[in-house]
Each structure stands twice: as structure tokens, then as C-alpha cells.
N, C-alpha and C. Protein backbone atom coordinates (compact mmCIF):
# COMPACT_ATOMS: atom_id res chain seq x y z
N UNK A 1 -3.30 107.47 30.83
CA UNK A 1 -2.02 106.82 30.74
C UNK A 1 -2.18 105.38 31.19
N UNK A 2 -1.61 104.43 30.38
CA UNK A 2 -1.71 103.01 30.67
C UNK A 2 -0.36 102.50 31.12
N UNK A 3 -0.40 101.70 32.16
CA UNK A 3 0.84 101.10 32.66
C UNK A 3 0.96 99.71 32.05
N UNK A 4 2.03 99.47 31.36
CA UNK A 4 2.29 98.17 30.74
C UNK A 4 3.30 97.44 31.60
N UNK A 5 2.91 96.24 32.09
CA UNK A 5 3.86 95.51 32.94
C UNK A 5 5.05 95.01 32.12
N UNK A 6 6.18 95.03 32.73
CA UNK A 6 7.40 94.53 32.10
C UNK A 6 7.44 93.02 32.21
N UNK A 7 8.09 92.42 31.29
CA UNK A 7 8.28 90.98 31.31
C UNK A 7 9.25 90.66 32.46
N UNK A 8 8.82 89.85 33.39
CA UNK A 8 9.61 89.59 34.59
C UNK A 8 10.55 88.40 34.45
N UNK A 9 10.85 88.01 33.23
CA UNK A 9 11.81 86.92 33.06
C UNK A 9 13.20 87.39 33.42
N UNK A 10 13.91 86.61 34.21
CA UNK A 10 15.28 87.01 34.55
C UNK A 10 16.18 86.87 33.32
N UNK A 11 16.95 87.89 33.08
CA UNK A 11 17.87 87.85 31.95
C UNK A 11 19.21 87.32 32.45
N UNK A 12 19.74 86.39 31.68
CA UNK A 12 20.99 85.77 32.09
C UNK A 12 22.14 86.60 31.56
N UNK A 13 22.99 86.98 32.47
CA UNK A 13 24.19 87.74 32.12
C UNK A 13 25.37 86.87 32.50
N UNK A 14 26.22 86.64 31.53
CA UNK A 14 27.39 85.81 31.77
C UNK A 14 28.55 86.71 32.13
N UNK A 15 29.11 86.42 33.28
CA UNK A 15 30.24 87.23 33.72
C UNK A 15 31.47 86.90 32.87
N UNK A 16 32.41 87.83 32.79
CA UNK A 16 33.63 87.56 32.00
C UNK A 16 34.38 86.34 32.51
N UNK A 17 34.31 86.11 33.81
CA UNK A 17 35.00 84.94 34.38
C UNK A 17 34.35 83.65 33.88
N UNK A 18 33.00 83.61 33.90
CA UNK A 18 32.30 82.43 33.40
C UNK A 18 32.49 82.25 31.90
N UNK A 19 32.52 83.35 31.17
CA UNK A 19 32.74 83.29 29.74
C UNK A 19 34.12 82.71 29.43
N UNK A 20 35.11 83.14 30.18
CA UNK A 20 36.47 82.61 30.00
C UNK A 20 36.51 81.12 30.34
N UNK A 21 35.81 80.73 31.41
CA UNK A 21 35.76 79.32 31.79
C UNK A 21 35.08 78.48 30.71
N UNK A 22 33.99 78.99 30.13
CA UNK A 22 33.29 78.25 29.06
C UNK A 22 34.18 78.11 27.83
N UNK A 23 34.90 79.15 27.51
CA UNK A 23 35.81 79.09 26.36
C UNK A 23 36.92 78.06 26.61
N UNK A 24 37.49 78.07 27.81
CA UNK A 24 38.53 77.10 28.16
C UNK A 24 37.98 75.67 28.13
N UNK A 25 36.76 75.49 28.66
CA UNK A 25 36.15 74.16 28.67
C UNK A 25 35.92 73.67 27.24
N UNK A 26 35.46 74.56 26.35
CA UNK A 26 35.24 74.17 24.96
C UNK A 26 36.56 73.78 24.28
N UNK A 27 37.62 74.51 24.56
CA UNK A 27 38.93 74.18 23.99
C UNK A 27 39.42 72.83 24.51
N UNK A 28 39.25 72.60 25.81
CA UNK A 28 39.71 71.34 26.40
C UNK A 28 38.90 70.15 25.86
N UNK A 29 37.60 70.34 25.64
CA UNK A 29 36.79 69.26 25.08
C UNK A 29 37.19 68.99 23.63
N UNK A 30 37.61 70.04 22.92
CA UNK A 30 38.11 69.84 21.55
C UNK A 30 39.42 69.04 21.61
N UNK A 31 40.25 69.31 22.63
CA UNK A 31 41.47 68.53 22.81
C UNK A 31 41.13 67.07 23.10
N UNK A 32 40.12 66.84 23.94
CA UNK A 32 39.71 65.46 24.25
C UNK A 32 39.26 64.77 22.97
N UNK A 33 38.50 65.47 22.14
CA UNK A 33 38.03 64.89 20.87
C UNK A 33 39.21 64.50 19.98
N UNK A 34 40.18 65.38 19.86
CA UNK A 34 41.36 65.08 19.03
C UNK A 34 42.16 63.91 19.61
N UNK A 35 42.29 63.87 20.93
CA UNK A 35 43.01 62.77 21.56
C UNK A 35 42.28 61.43 21.34
N UNK A 36 40.96 61.44 21.40
CA UNK A 36 40.20 60.22 21.15
C UNK A 36 40.34 59.77 19.69
N UNK A 37 40.38 60.72 18.77
CA UNK A 37 40.61 60.37 17.36
C UNK A 37 41.98 59.74 17.19
N UNK A 38 42.99 60.34 17.84
CA UNK A 38 44.35 59.81 17.77
C UNK A 38 44.41 58.41 18.39
N UNK A 39 43.73 58.22 19.51
CA UNK A 39 43.70 56.91 20.17
C UNK A 39 43.06 55.88 19.25
N UNK A 40 41.96 56.25 18.59
CA UNK A 40 41.28 55.31 17.68
C UNK A 40 42.20 54.93 16.52
N UNK A 41 42.93 55.89 15.98
CA UNK A 41 43.83 55.58 14.87
C UNK A 41 45.02 54.75 15.30
N UNK A 42 45.55 55.00 16.48
CA UNK A 42 46.73 54.25 16.91
C UNK A 42 46.36 52.85 17.40
N UNK A 43 45.13 52.67 17.83
CA UNK A 43 44.70 51.36 18.35
C UNK A 43 43.70 50.70 17.41
N UNK A 44 43.90 50.87 16.12
CA UNK A 44 42.97 50.33 15.12
C UNK A 44 42.81 48.81 15.26
N UNK A 45 43.92 48.10 15.44
CA UNK A 45 43.85 46.64 15.54
C UNK A 45 43.04 46.21 16.77
N UNK A 46 43.25 46.90 17.88
CA UNK A 46 42.51 46.56 19.10
C UNK A 46 41.02 46.82 18.92
N UNK A 47 40.68 47.93 18.31
CA UNK A 47 39.27 48.27 18.09
C UNK A 47 38.63 47.26 17.14
N UNK A 48 39.35 46.84 16.12
CA UNK A 48 38.79 45.85 15.20
C UNK A 48 38.58 44.51 15.90
N UNK A 49 39.46 44.15 16.83
CA UNK A 49 39.25 42.92 17.60
C UNK A 49 38.03 43.05 18.50
N UNK A 50 37.83 44.23 19.08
CA UNK A 50 36.63 44.47 19.90
C UNK A 50 35.39 44.36 19.03
N UNK A 51 35.44 44.94 17.83
CA UNK A 51 34.30 44.86 16.89
C UNK A 51 34.02 43.40 16.54
N UNK A 52 35.07 42.61 16.29
CA UNK A 52 34.88 41.18 15.99
C UNK A 52 34.17 40.46 17.13
N UNK A 53 34.63 40.71 18.35
CA UNK A 53 34.01 40.05 19.51
C UNK A 53 32.54 40.44 19.65
N UNK A 54 32.26 41.73 19.50
CA UNK A 54 30.88 42.20 19.60
C UNK A 54 30.03 41.62 18.48
N UNK A 55 30.59 41.49 17.27
CA UNK A 55 29.85 40.92 16.15
C UNK A 55 29.53 39.46 16.40
N UNK A 56 30.53 38.70 16.90
CA UNK A 56 30.30 37.28 17.18
C UNK A 56 29.14 37.09 18.17
N UNK A 57 29.16 37.86 19.23
CA UNK A 57 28.12 37.73 20.26
C UNK A 57 26.78 38.26 19.74
N UNK A 58 26.80 39.46 19.16
CA UNK A 58 25.57 40.10 18.73
C UNK A 58 24.87 39.38 17.59
N UNK A 59 25.63 38.88 16.61
CA UNK A 59 24.98 38.21 15.48
C UNK A 59 24.31 36.92 15.92
N UNK A 60 24.96 36.14 16.78
CA UNK A 60 24.35 34.89 17.26
C UNK A 60 23.11 35.19 18.10
N UNK A 61 23.21 36.19 18.99
CA UNK A 61 22.05 36.53 19.81
C UNK A 61 20.88 37.02 18.95
N UNK A 62 21.16 37.84 17.96
CA UNK A 62 20.10 38.36 17.09
C UNK A 62 19.45 37.24 16.28
N UNK A 63 20.27 36.36 15.72
CA UNK A 63 19.74 35.25 14.92
C UNK A 63 18.92 34.31 15.79
N UNK A 64 19.41 34.00 16.99
CA UNK A 64 18.66 33.12 17.90
C UNK A 64 17.33 33.75 18.31
N UNK A 65 17.32 35.06 18.49
CA UNK A 65 16.10 35.73 18.91
C UNK A 65 15.08 35.81 17.77
N UNK A 66 15.55 36.05 16.54
CA UNK A 66 14.64 36.27 15.42
C UNK A 66 14.23 34.98 14.70
N UNK A 67 15.09 33.96 14.69
CA UNK A 67 14.81 32.74 13.92
C UNK A 67 14.82 31.52 14.83
N UNK A 68 13.66 30.93 15.06
CA UNK A 68 13.57 29.73 15.90
C UNK A 68 13.70 28.46 15.06
N UNK A 69 13.45 28.54 13.75
CA UNK A 69 13.51 27.38 12.86
C UNK A 69 14.96 26.95 12.70
N UNK A 70 15.33 25.74 13.22
CA UNK A 70 16.72 25.28 13.33
C UNK A 70 17.52 25.30 12.03
N UNK A 71 17.04 24.66 10.94
CA UNK A 71 17.86 24.66 9.72
C UNK A 71 18.12 26.07 9.20
N UNK A 72 17.11 26.90 9.26
CA UNK A 72 17.26 28.29 8.82
C UNK A 72 18.23 29.03 9.73
N UNK A 73 18.12 28.78 11.01
CA UNK A 73 18.98 29.40 12.01
C UNK A 73 20.45 29.09 11.72
N UNK A 74 20.75 27.82 11.46
CA UNK A 74 22.14 27.42 11.19
C UNK A 74 22.66 28.03 9.89
N UNK A 75 21.80 28.08 8.87
CA UNK A 75 22.21 28.65 7.59
C UNK A 75 22.55 30.12 7.73
N UNK A 76 21.70 30.85 8.44
CA UNK A 76 21.94 32.28 8.62
C UNK A 76 23.20 32.51 9.46
N UNK A 77 23.46 31.65 10.43
CA UNK A 77 24.70 31.79 11.22
C UNK A 77 25.93 31.61 10.35
N UNK A 78 25.88 30.66 9.40
CA UNK A 78 27.01 30.48 8.48
C UNK A 78 27.19 31.71 7.59
N UNK A 79 26.07 32.25 7.11
CA UNK A 79 26.15 33.46 6.29
C UNK A 79 26.71 34.62 7.12
N UNK A 80 26.30 34.71 8.38
CA UNK A 80 26.80 35.78 9.26
C UNK A 80 28.31 35.65 9.46
N UNK A 81 28.82 34.43 9.59
CA UNK A 81 30.27 34.24 9.75
C UNK A 81 31.02 34.68 8.50
N UNK A 82 30.42 34.42 7.32
CA UNK A 82 31.09 34.80 6.07
C UNK A 82 31.04 36.31 5.86
N UNK A 83 30.03 36.97 6.41
CA UNK A 83 29.91 38.42 6.20
C UNK A 83 30.68 39.23 7.25
N UNK A 84 31.35 38.57 8.16
CA UNK A 84 32.07 39.25 9.23
C UNK A 84 33.14 40.23 8.72
N UNK A 85 33.96 39.88 7.72
CA UNK A 85 34.96 40.86 7.25
C UNK A 85 34.34 42.13 6.68
N UNK A 86 33.22 41.99 5.99
CA UNK A 86 32.54 43.17 5.45
C UNK A 86 32.02 44.03 6.59
N UNK A 87 31.41 43.37 7.59
CA UNK A 87 30.90 44.11 8.74
C UNK A 87 32.04 44.83 9.46
N UNK A 88 33.19 44.18 9.59
CA UNK A 88 34.32 44.79 10.29
C UNK A 88 34.75 46.09 9.62
N UNK A 89 34.81 46.09 8.29
CA UNK A 89 35.22 47.29 7.56
C UNK A 89 34.19 48.41 7.76
N UNK A 90 32.91 48.07 7.62
CA UNK A 90 31.85 49.07 7.78
C UNK A 90 31.84 49.60 9.21
N UNK A 91 31.94 48.70 10.18
CA UNK A 91 31.91 49.11 11.59
C UNK A 91 33.13 49.97 11.93
N UNK A 92 34.29 49.63 11.37
CA UNK A 92 35.48 50.44 11.64
C UNK A 92 35.29 51.86 11.11
N UNK A 93 34.79 52.00 9.89
CA UNK A 93 34.58 53.34 9.33
C UNK A 93 33.55 54.12 10.16
N UNK A 94 32.49 53.43 10.61
CA UNK A 94 31.50 54.09 11.44
C UNK A 94 32.13 54.53 12.77
N UNK A 95 32.91 53.64 13.37
CA UNK A 95 33.56 53.95 14.65
C UNK A 95 34.48 55.15 14.49
N UNK A 96 35.30 55.11 13.45
CA UNK A 96 36.27 56.17 13.21
C UNK A 96 35.58 57.52 13.01
N UNK A 97 34.44 57.51 12.33
CA UNK A 97 33.73 58.75 12.02
C UNK A 97 32.93 59.28 13.22
N UNK A 98 32.28 58.39 13.98
CA UNK A 98 31.30 58.82 14.98
C UNK A 98 31.73 58.69 16.44
N UNK A 99 32.46 57.66 16.78
CA UNK A 99 32.71 57.37 18.19
C UNK A 99 33.51 58.44 18.94
N UNK A 100 34.57 59.02 18.38
CA UNK A 100 35.26 60.04 19.16
C UNK A 100 34.33 61.18 19.59
N UNK A 101 33.44 61.62 18.69
CA UNK A 101 32.51 62.70 19.05
C UNK A 101 31.48 62.22 20.07
N UNK A 102 30.98 60.99 19.90
CA UNK A 102 29.99 60.46 20.85
C UNK A 102 30.60 60.32 22.25
N UNK A 103 31.82 59.81 22.30
CA UNK A 103 32.49 59.65 23.60
C UNK A 103 32.80 61.02 24.21
N UNK A 104 33.22 61.98 23.38
CA UNK A 104 33.49 63.33 23.87
C UNK A 104 32.22 63.95 24.46
N UNK A 105 31.10 63.84 23.74
CA UNK A 105 29.84 64.39 24.25
C UNK A 105 29.44 63.74 25.57
N UNK A 106 29.60 62.41 25.66
CA UNK A 106 29.25 61.69 26.88
C UNK A 106 30.14 62.15 28.04
N UNK A 107 31.44 62.28 27.79
CA UNK A 107 32.35 62.72 28.84
C UNK A 107 32.05 64.16 29.27
N UNK A 108 31.68 65.01 28.32
CA UNK A 108 31.35 66.40 28.65
C UNK A 108 30.13 66.45 29.58
N UNK A 109 29.16 65.61 29.32
CA UNK A 109 27.98 65.55 30.20
C UNK A 109 28.40 65.06 31.58
N UNK A 110 29.31 64.10 31.65
CA UNK A 110 29.73 63.55 32.94
C UNK A 110 30.51 64.57 33.77
N UNK A 111 31.34 65.39 33.13
CA UNK A 111 32.12 66.36 33.90
C UNK A 111 31.35 67.64 34.20
N UNK A 112 30.14 67.78 33.61
CA UNK A 112 29.32 68.96 33.91
C UNK A 112 28.70 68.85 35.30
N UNK A 113 28.56 67.63 35.82
CA UNK A 113 28.00 67.38 37.14
C UNK A 113 26.63 68.02 37.32
N UNK A 114 25.81 67.95 36.25
CA UNK A 114 24.47 68.49 36.36
C UNK A 114 23.55 67.43 36.93
N UNK A 115 22.60 67.88 37.73
CA UNK A 115 21.66 66.98 38.36
C UNK A 115 20.62 66.57 37.31
N UNK A 116 20.46 65.25 37.06
CA UNK A 116 19.50 64.83 36.06
C UNK A 116 18.06 65.18 36.43
N UNK A 117 17.79 65.50 37.70
CA UNK A 117 16.43 65.88 38.09
C UNK A 117 16.10 67.31 37.66
N UNK A 118 17.12 68.09 37.25
CA UNK A 118 16.87 69.45 36.80
C UNK A 118 16.42 69.51 35.34
N UNK A 119 16.39 68.35 34.68
CA UNK A 119 15.98 68.33 33.29
C UNK A 119 14.49 68.70 33.18
N UNK A 120 14.07 69.28 32.07
CA UNK A 120 12.67 69.67 31.94
C UNK A 120 11.74 68.47 32.05
N UNK A 121 10.62 68.69 32.69
CA UNK A 121 9.64 67.63 32.88
C UNK A 121 8.86 67.41 31.58
N UNK A 122 8.36 66.21 31.42
CA UNK A 122 7.56 65.92 30.24
C UNK A 122 6.23 66.64 30.34
N UNK A 123 5.74 67.07 29.21
CA UNK A 123 4.48 67.80 29.16
C UNK A 123 3.37 66.82 28.81
N UNK A 124 2.30 66.87 29.58
CA UNK A 124 1.16 66.00 29.31
C UNK A 124 0.40 66.56 28.11
N UNK A 125 0.07 65.68 27.17
CA UNK A 125 -0.63 66.08 25.97
C UNK A 125 -2.03 65.48 26.02
N UNK A 126 -3.00 66.30 25.73
CA UNK A 126 -4.37 65.84 25.74
C UNK A 126 -4.65 65.09 24.45
N UNK A 127 -5.26 63.92 24.59
CA UNK A 127 -5.57 63.12 23.41
C UNK A 127 -7.08 62.96 23.28
N UNK A 128 -7.51 62.76 22.07
CA UNK A 128 -8.94 62.57 21.84
C UNK A 128 -9.26 61.08 21.87
N UNK A 129 -10.52 60.78 22.08
CA UNK A 129 -10.96 59.39 22.10
C UNK A 129 -10.87 58.80 20.70
N UNK A 130 -10.45 57.56 20.63
CA UNK A 130 -10.34 56.88 19.34
C UNK A 130 -11.61 56.07 19.12
N UNK A 131 -12.17 56.21 17.93
CA UNK A 131 -13.38 55.47 17.59
C UNK A 131 -13.01 54.01 17.41
N UNK A 132 -13.70 53.10 18.09
CA UNK A 132 -13.36 51.67 17.93
C UNK A 132 -13.71 51.18 16.53
N UNK A 133 -12.97 50.18 16.07
CA UNK A 133 -13.22 49.61 14.75
C UNK A 133 -14.42 48.67 14.81
N UNK A 134 -15.10 48.58 13.67
CA UNK A 134 -16.21 47.63 13.59
C UNK A 134 -15.64 46.23 13.38
N UNK A 135 -16.48 45.21 13.58
CA UNK A 135 -16.03 43.84 13.43
C UNK A 135 -15.59 43.55 12.00
N UNK A 136 -16.27 44.14 11.01
CA UNK A 136 -15.90 43.95 9.61
C UNK A 136 -14.50 44.53 9.33
N UNK A 137 -14.23 45.71 9.87
CA UNK A 137 -12.90 46.31 9.70
C UNK A 137 -11.82 45.47 10.37
N UNK A 138 -12.13 44.93 11.54
CA UNK A 138 -11.16 44.09 12.25
C UNK A 138 -10.87 42.83 11.45
N UNK A 139 -11.90 42.20 10.89
CA UNK A 139 -11.70 41.00 10.08
C UNK A 139 -10.85 41.30 8.84
N UNK A 140 -11.13 42.43 8.19
CA UNK A 140 -10.34 42.82 7.01
C UNK A 140 -8.88 43.06 7.39
N UNK A 141 -8.66 43.71 8.52
CA UNK A 141 -7.28 43.98 8.96
C UNK A 141 -6.56 42.67 9.30
N UNK A 142 -7.25 41.74 9.93
CA UNK A 142 -6.64 40.45 10.26
C UNK A 142 -6.27 39.67 9.00
N UNK A 143 -7.17 39.67 7.99
CA UNK A 143 -6.87 38.99 6.74
C UNK A 143 -5.66 39.64 6.04
N UNK A 144 -5.63 40.95 6.03
CA UNK A 144 -4.52 41.66 5.40
C UNK A 144 -3.22 41.38 6.15
N UNK A 145 -3.29 41.36 7.47
CA UNK A 145 -2.10 41.08 8.28
C UNK A 145 -1.59 39.67 8.01
N UNK A 146 -2.48 38.68 7.94
CA UNK A 146 -2.06 37.30 7.64
C UNK A 146 -1.45 37.21 6.25
N UNK A 147 -2.04 37.91 5.27
CA UNK A 147 -1.49 37.91 3.92
C UNK A 147 -0.08 38.51 3.91
N UNK A 148 0.08 39.62 4.61
CA UNK A 148 1.41 40.26 4.65
C UNK A 148 2.43 39.37 5.36
N UNK A 149 2.02 38.67 6.40
CA UNK A 149 2.94 37.75 7.08
C UNK A 149 3.37 36.64 6.15
N UNK A 150 2.44 36.10 5.35
CA UNK A 150 2.80 35.05 4.39
C UNK A 150 3.78 35.59 3.36
N UNK A 151 3.56 36.81 2.91
CA UNK A 151 4.47 37.42 1.94
C UNK A 151 5.86 37.59 2.52
N UNK A 152 5.92 38.01 3.78
CA UNK A 152 7.22 38.19 4.43
C UNK A 152 7.94 36.86 4.56
N UNK A 153 7.22 35.80 4.95
CA UNK A 153 7.83 34.47 5.05
C UNK A 153 8.37 34.02 3.70
N UNK A 154 7.56 34.23 2.65
CA UNK A 154 7.97 33.83 1.31
C UNK A 154 9.22 34.60 0.88
N UNK A 155 9.23 35.92 1.10
CA UNK A 155 10.40 36.72 0.73
C UNK A 155 11.63 36.34 1.55
N UNK A 156 11.43 36.03 2.84
CA UNK A 156 12.56 35.60 3.67
C UNK A 156 13.14 34.30 3.13
N UNK A 157 12.27 33.37 2.72
CA UNK A 157 12.74 32.11 2.16
C UNK A 157 13.51 32.32 0.87
N UNK A 158 13.01 33.19 0.00
CA UNK A 158 13.69 33.49 -1.26
C UNK A 158 15.05 34.12 -0.98
N UNK A 159 15.10 35.05 -0.02
CA UNK A 159 16.37 35.70 0.33
C UNK A 159 17.37 34.69 0.87
N UNK A 160 16.90 33.79 1.70
CA UNK A 160 17.80 32.79 2.28
C UNK A 160 18.36 31.88 1.19
N UNK A 161 17.49 31.45 0.28
CA UNK A 161 17.96 30.59 -0.82
C UNK A 161 18.96 31.35 -1.69
N UNK A 162 18.67 32.62 -1.99
CA UNK A 162 19.57 33.40 -2.82
C UNK A 162 20.92 33.63 -2.12
N UNK A 163 20.88 33.95 -0.83
CA UNK A 163 22.13 34.16 -0.09
C UNK A 163 22.91 32.85 0.05
N UNK A 164 22.21 31.75 0.25
CA UNK A 164 22.89 30.46 0.33
C UNK A 164 23.56 30.13 -1.00
N UNK A 165 22.85 30.37 -2.10
CA UNK A 165 23.44 30.11 -3.41
C UNK A 165 24.66 31.00 -3.63
N UNK A 166 24.55 32.25 -3.23
CA UNK A 166 25.69 33.16 -3.35
C UNK A 166 26.87 32.67 -2.50
N UNK A 167 26.58 32.23 -1.27
CA UNK A 167 27.64 31.72 -0.41
C UNK A 167 28.31 30.50 -0.99
N UNK A 168 27.53 29.58 -1.54
CA UNK A 168 28.10 28.38 -2.15
C UNK A 168 28.95 28.76 -3.36
N UNK A 169 28.47 29.70 -4.16
CA UNK A 169 29.22 30.14 -5.34
C UNK A 169 30.55 30.78 -4.93
N UNK A 170 30.50 31.67 -3.95
CA UNK A 170 31.72 32.34 -3.50
C UNK A 170 32.68 31.33 -2.90
N UNK A 171 32.17 30.40 -2.11
CA UNK A 171 33.03 29.38 -1.50
C UNK A 171 33.67 28.51 -2.58
N UNK A 172 32.89 28.13 -3.58
CA UNK A 172 33.43 27.30 -4.66
C UNK A 172 34.52 28.05 -5.43
N UNK A 173 34.28 29.31 -5.72
CA UNK A 173 35.27 30.08 -6.47
C UNK A 173 36.53 30.35 -5.66
N UNK A 174 36.40 30.52 -4.35
CA UNK A 174 37.59 30.79 -3.54
C UNK A 174 38.42 29.54 -3.30
N UNK A 175 37.81 28.38 -3.37
CA UNK A 175 38.57 27.13 -3.17
C UNK A 175 39.45 26.82 -4.38
N UNK A 176 38.98 27.14 -5.57
CA UNK A 176 39.71 26.82 -6.78
C UNK A 176 39.74 28.05 -7.69
N UNK A 177 40.57 29.05 -7.35
CA UNK A 177 40.56 30.29 -8.15
C UNK A 177 41.21 30.14 -9.53
N UNK A 178 42.00 29.09 -9.76
CA UNK A 178 42.66 28.95 -11.05
C UNK A 178 41.73 28.38 -12.10
N UNK A 179 40.67 27.72 -11.74
CA UNK A 179 39.78 27.07 -12.71
C UNK A 179 39.23 28.05 -13.74
N UNK A 180 38.68 29.20 -13.36
CA UNK A 180 38.20 30.12 -14.40
C UNK A 180 39.33 30.64 -15.28
N UNK A 181 40.52 30.84 -14.71
CA UNK A 181 41.64 31.32 -15.50
C UNK A 181 42.10 30.26 -16.49
N UNK A 182 42.13 28.99 -16.06
CA UNK A 182 42.57 27.93 -16.96
C UNK A 182 41.61 27.79 -18.13
N UNK A 183 40.33 27.87 -17.88
CA UNK A 183 39.39 27.72 -18.98
C UNK A 183 39.51 28.90 -19.94
N UNK A 184 39.77 30.10 -19.45
CA UNK A 184 39.95 31.26 -20.32
C UNK A 184 41.22 31.10 -21.14
N UNK A 185 42.30 30.64 -20.50
CA UNK A 185 43.56 30.44 -21.22
C UNK A 185 43.42 29.34 -22.27
N UNK A 186 42.68 28.28 -21.94
CA UNK A 186 42.49 27.20 -22.92
C UNK A 186 41.70 27.70 -24.12
N UNK A 187 40.71 28.54 -23.86
CA UNK A 187 39.91 29.10 -24.98
C UNK A 187 40.80 29.97 -25.85
N UNK A 188 41.66 30.78 -25.24
CA UNK A 188 42.54 31.64 -26.01
C UNK A 188 43.54 30.83 -26.83
N UNK A 189 44.04 29.73 -26.25
CA UNK A 189 44.99 28.88 -26.98
C UNK A 189 44.31 28.19 -28.14
N UNK A 190 43.05 27.80 -27.97
CA UNK A 190 42.34 27.12 -29.05
C UNK A 190 42.03 28.08 -30.20
N UNK A 191 41.76 29.33 -29.92
CA UNK A 191 41.43 30.28 -30.97
C UNK A 191 42.67 30.78 -31.71
N UNK A 192 43.83 30.73 -31.07
CA UNK A 192 45.09 31.18 -31.69
C UNK A 192 45.95 29.95 -31.95
N UNK A 193 45.97 29.44 -33.18
CA UNK A 193 46.81 28.26 -33.47
C UNK A 193 48.28 28.53 -33.53
């Protein structure tokens, strides 16, 4: 006869009282989620103003960090100002769809009062040694990297010129919206005597 040891893992049994508390907590967090959705809908104008402020600060900081070349920097800032209404619409839809749930999840973690030190520890993973590259491979990689950087600069320049042309076109059309209509009406009048 062989004795087989039992698995000594403790089995978690949830008492009816704890089960009722978990059910109540889930219902209350659902209420919080609905209230946050209602708050977002009723305060749409305030949220859009907050989005505008964040866009103004964030776009300038991002452009200053990514583009040191002054003329390019100024051009991109002008394009960023013109794209603000589009960003506001996209950001509002994203906020409306995602933020109530994100805020609810964050609040649920805060009211759980769990100790962050109880979280599982990271597991160390064994890695193998990496074979060093030869000098020829390093030179080839450097040449390829320089070529790719040149391509990126060229594409960035083309994009900036295209966006600038688009901005000038849109600005010109918005300043004088009757001009295309007048030319169309004149053509129609000339064809119909």
C-alpha cells in the first residue's frame, strides 16, 4: 500500500458574510461608475476646457522636446494650434468612453486599502550570454542606421511641407468662402444664356 501525500494548499472558503459584502461592494462600484458617467455628461463644457488646457501645455512641451530647429518648431506649433478642435473632439470621445471606468478602477483600488508590499514579487529570469557583434557587422549597422535617419529627416520635411500647404489652403478657403461659390455661379450663368 502506497501513501500519497495530499496537496497542502489552503483552500479559500468565502463565508456568506464576505460574499454578501463583495456583492454589495460590486454594486456600489457600479453606482460610482454610473455617477462618474453622469458627471462627465453634465460637465462636458468643463471637461473640454480642461482638455484644451492640457493640449495647450502638452503640445508645446512635446514640440519643444522633439524639435530643436526653430523655423520647424514654430511651423509645427501653428499646425498644432489649428488641429486643436479636432483633438478636442477625439479627446472628448476617448474621455467619455474610458475615463469613468479608469477612475472607478482607481478608486476601487484606493478603498481596498491593500498593502502594496503584498503584491507578488518579480521573478528573476535566467538569460543567456549574447554573442558580441563583429566590427564588420557594427559598421553595417551604423551605415544602415545613418541611412534610416536620413530617410526619417526627409520624410519629416515632406510631411511638414505638405501639412503647411494644407494649412495655407484651409486658411485661404476659410477667409474667403464665397469665392469658390461665385466662380461656380458665374460658370453656370455663362453656360445658361
